[in-house]
Amino acid sequence: MALSIRLSRGGSKKRPYYRIVVADARSPRDGKFIEKIGNYNPLLGKEDEKRVVLDAERAKHWLGVGAQPTDRVARFLDAAGVRERAARNNPNKAEPGEKAKERAEERAEKLKAAEEAAAEAAAAPAQEETAAEAEGVVAAEVEAATEEPTAEAAQVADATSEQ
């Protein structure tokens, strides 16, 4: 007969209360059990000593006989110092799924495009100002060239008049 140390639920709706029991693994959760070895009240605070009450000697006995605790009961047994539980590690637990990753990539692309458009819009007035300044400099040079004849232009004009 396969034995398990597990929780059996009691209490009313939305007010859970559990008994820690040793039962045949094939029996229903709240059904027939062999022995009650403690109780668990999740409504009490985590620091409350009455949250988990466990008969450690009986738990050791049933573990020695071959009873297998469920994950939650194994945590209680570890906290009581009856049986050490190996810590689990699931590094992918908080990783988002494929669809969420795709949505995040699309959001990042849209944000990057919006930032580039904003940068171009901010740069366009600056480019217009530099272009206007360059046009002003070119216009000033053209006006200066038309007002003051250069030395070469004066020599060419003198050479044509002498002929």
Protein backbone atom coordinates (compact mmCIF):
# COMPACT_ATOMS: atom_id res chain seq x y z
CA MET A 1 0.00 0.00 0.00
CA ALA A 2 1.46 3.38 -1.07
CA LEU A 3 1.23 5.92 1.71
CA SER A 4 1.32 9.69 1.38
CA ILE A 5 1.48 12.49 3.90
CA ARG A 6 -0.75 15.21 2.52
CA LEU A 7 -3.25 17.94 3.29
CA SER A 8 -6.95 17.23 3.71
CA ARG A 9 -9.14 20.30 3.35
CA GLY A 10 -11.74 21.37 5.83
CA GLY A 11 -13.34 24.69 6.68
CA SER A 12 -16.02 26.60 4.85
CA LYS A 13 -16.00 28.41 1.55
CA LYS A 14 -13.19 31.01 1.35
CA ARG A 15 -12.02 29.96 4.84
CA PRO A 16 -9.65 27.02 4.30
CA TYR A 17 -8.35 24.85 7.09
CA TYR A 18 -6.24 21.77 6.46
CA ARG A 19 -5.40 18.61 8.40
CA ILE A 20 -2.02 17.01 7.77
CA VAL A 21 -2.85 13.34 7.37
CA VAL A 22 -1.27 10.02 6.46
CA ALA A 23 -3.48 8.32 3.90
CA ASP A 24 -3.47 5.69 1.20
CA ALA A 25 -2.34 7.40 -2.01
CA ARG A 26 -5.41 6.03 -3.82
CA SER A 27 -7.97 7.53 -1.42
CA PRO A 28 -9.63 10.89 -2.21
CA ARG A 29 -8.21 14.16 -0.87
CA ASP A 30 -10.84 14.70 1.80
CA GLY A 31 -11.70 11.04 2.19
CA LYS A 32 -10.57 8.25 4.48
CA PHE A 33 -7.17 8.60 6.16
CA ILE A 34 -5.05 6.47 8.47
CA GLU A 35 -3.85 9.05 10.99
CA LYS A 36 -3.97 12.80 11.56
CA ILE A 37 -0.50 14.12 12.43
CA GLY A 38 -1.10 17.87 12.40
CA ASN A 39 -2.99 20.81 10.96
CA TYR A 40 -2.37 23.92 8.88
CA ASN A 41 -4.34 27.17 9.01
CA PRO A 42 -3.30 29.46 6.09
CA LEU A 43 -5.46 32.32 7.41
CA LEU A 44 -3.07 32.92 10.31
CA GLY A 45 0.02 35.12 9.90
CA LYS A 46 3.27 33.58 8.74
CA GLU A 47 4.92 34.29 12.09
CA ASP A 48 2.08 32.71 14.10
CA GLU A 49 3.16 29.48 15.80
CA LYS A 50 -0.33 27.97 15.42
CA ARG A 51 -0.25 28.32 11.62
CA VAL A 52 1.36 24.87 11.29
CA VAL A 53 1.04 22.33 14.12
CA LEU A 54 2.84 19.06 13.44
CA ASP A 55 3.56 15.93 15.51
CA ALA A 56 7.22 15.47 14.52
CA GLU A 57 7.60 12.01 16.10
CA ARG A 58 4.65 10.54 14.21
CA ALA A 59 5.86 12.20 10.99
CA LYS A 60 9.30 10.56 11.44
CA HIS A 61 7.61 7.23 12.06
CA TRP A 62 5.52 7.40 8.90
CA LEU A 63 8.48 8.60 6.83
CA GLY A 64 10.42 5.60 8.17
CA VAL A 65 7.60 3.29 7.07
CA GLY A 66 7.80 4.75 3.54
CA ALA A 67 5.15 7.45 3.35
CA GLN A 68 5.87 10.11 0.72
CA PRO A 69 5.04 13.74 1.59
CA THR A 70 3.51 16.14 -0.93
CA ASP A 71 5.46 19.28 -1.83
CA ARG A 72 3.60 21.50 0.63
CA VAL A 73 3.91 18.99 3.49
CA ALA A 74 7.61 18.52 2.64
CA ARG A 75 8.03 22.26 3.24
CA PHE A 76 6.38 21.93 6.64
CA LEU A 77 8.58 18.94 7.52
CA ASP A 78 11.68 20.88 6.45
CA ALA A 79 10.68 23.85 8.62
CA ALA A 80 10.12 21.50 11.58
CA GLY A 81 13.52 19.87 11.02
CA VAL A 82 12.07 16.41 10.40
CA ARG A 83 13.15 15.94 6.78
CA GLU A 84 15.37 18.11 4.60
CA ARG A 85 13.86 19.25 1.33
CA ALA A 86 15.99 20.02 -1.70
CA ALA A 87 15.38 23.54 -2.96
CA ARG A 88 13.98 23.79 -6.45
CA ASN A 89 15.21 26.18 -9.09
CA ASN A 90 13.21 27.24 -12.12
CA PRO A 91 15.11 30.05 -13.87
CA ASN A 92 12.55 30.27 -16.70
CA LYS A 93 9.59 30.85 -14.39
CA ALA A 94 9.46 34.62 -14.83
CA GLU A 95 10.39 34.62 -18.52
CA PRO A 96 7.56 35.88 -20.76
CA GLY A 97 6.08 33.70 -23.49
CA GLU A 98 6.71 33.98 -27.23
CA LYS A 99 3.72 36.24 -27.96
CA ALA A 100 4.65 38.62 -25.15
CA LYS A 101 8.22 38.79 -26.48
CA GLU A 102 6.91 39.61 -29.97
CA ARG A 103 4.67 42.37 -28.58
CA ALA A 104 7.61 43.81 -26.64
CA GLU A 105 9.78 43.83 -29.80
CA GLU A 106 7.02 45.58 -31.78
CA ARG A 107 6.65 48.18 -29.03
CA ALA A 108 10.42 48.74 -29.03
CA GLU A 109 10.45 49.20 -32.84
CA LYS A 110 7.57 51.71 -32.70
CA LEU A 111 9.29 53.61 -29.89
CA LYS A 112 12.56 53.70 -31.83
CA ALA A 113 10.78 54.98 -34.97
CA ALA A 114 9.01 57.67 -32.94
CA GLU A 115 12.30 58.76 -31.36
CA GLU A 116 13.96 58.95 -34.79
CA ALA A 117 11.07 61.02 -36.16
CA ALA A 118 11.32 63.37 -33.18
CA ALA A 119 15.08 63.67 -33.67
CA GLU A 120 14.59 64.45 -37.37
CA ALA A 121 11.94 67.04 -36.56
CA ALA A 122 14.26 68.67 -34.03
CA ALA A 123 17.17 68.56 -36.48
CA ALA A 124 15.17 70.00 -39.42
CA PRO A 125 14.87 73.57 -37.97
CA ALA A 126 18.56 73.50 -37.14
CA GLN A 127 19.38 72.45 -40.71
CA GLU A 128 17.14 75.20 -42.08
CA GLU A 129 18.95 77.75 -39.91
CA THR A 130 22.36 76.58 -41.11
CA ALA A 131 21.14 76.57 -44.71
CA ALA A 132 19.79 80.12 -44.31
CA GLU A 133 23.08 81.23 -42.79
CA ALA A 134 24.99 79.63 -45.66
CA GLU A 135 22.72 81.33 -48.21
CA GLY A 136 23.28 84.64 -46.42
CA VAL A 137 27.05 84.20 -46.58
CA VAL A 138 26.90 83.30 -50.29
CA ALA A 139 24.66 86.30 -51.00
CA ALA A 140 27.03 88.59 -49.12
CA GLU A 141 29.97 87.24 -51.12
CA VAL A 142 28.08 87.78 -54.38
CA GLU A 143 27.22 91.37 -53.40
CA ALA A 144 30.82 92.04 -52.41
CA ALA A 145 32.06 90.63 -55.69
CA THR A 146 29.73 92.82 -57.72
CA GLU A 147 30.52 96.00 -55.77
CA GLU A 148 34.28 95.71 -55.60
CA PRO A 149 36.10 94.60 -58.71
CA THR A 150 38.99 92.33 -57.97
CA ALA A 151 42.54 93.09 -59.09
CA GLU A 152 42.34 90.54 -61.87
CA ALA A 153 39.09 92.02 -63.16
CA ALA A 154 40.68 95.48 -63.10
CA GLN A 155 43.70 94.27 -65.11
CA VAL A 156 41.42 92.62 -67.69
CA ALA A 157 39.37 95.83 -67.95
CA ASP A 158 42.52 97.95 -68.40
CA ALA A 159 43.88 95.58 -71.06
CA THR A 160 40.67 95.78 -73.10
CA SER A 161 40.54 99.56 -72.89
CA GLU A 162 44.13 99.96 -74.11
CA GLN A 163 43.49 98.08 -77.25
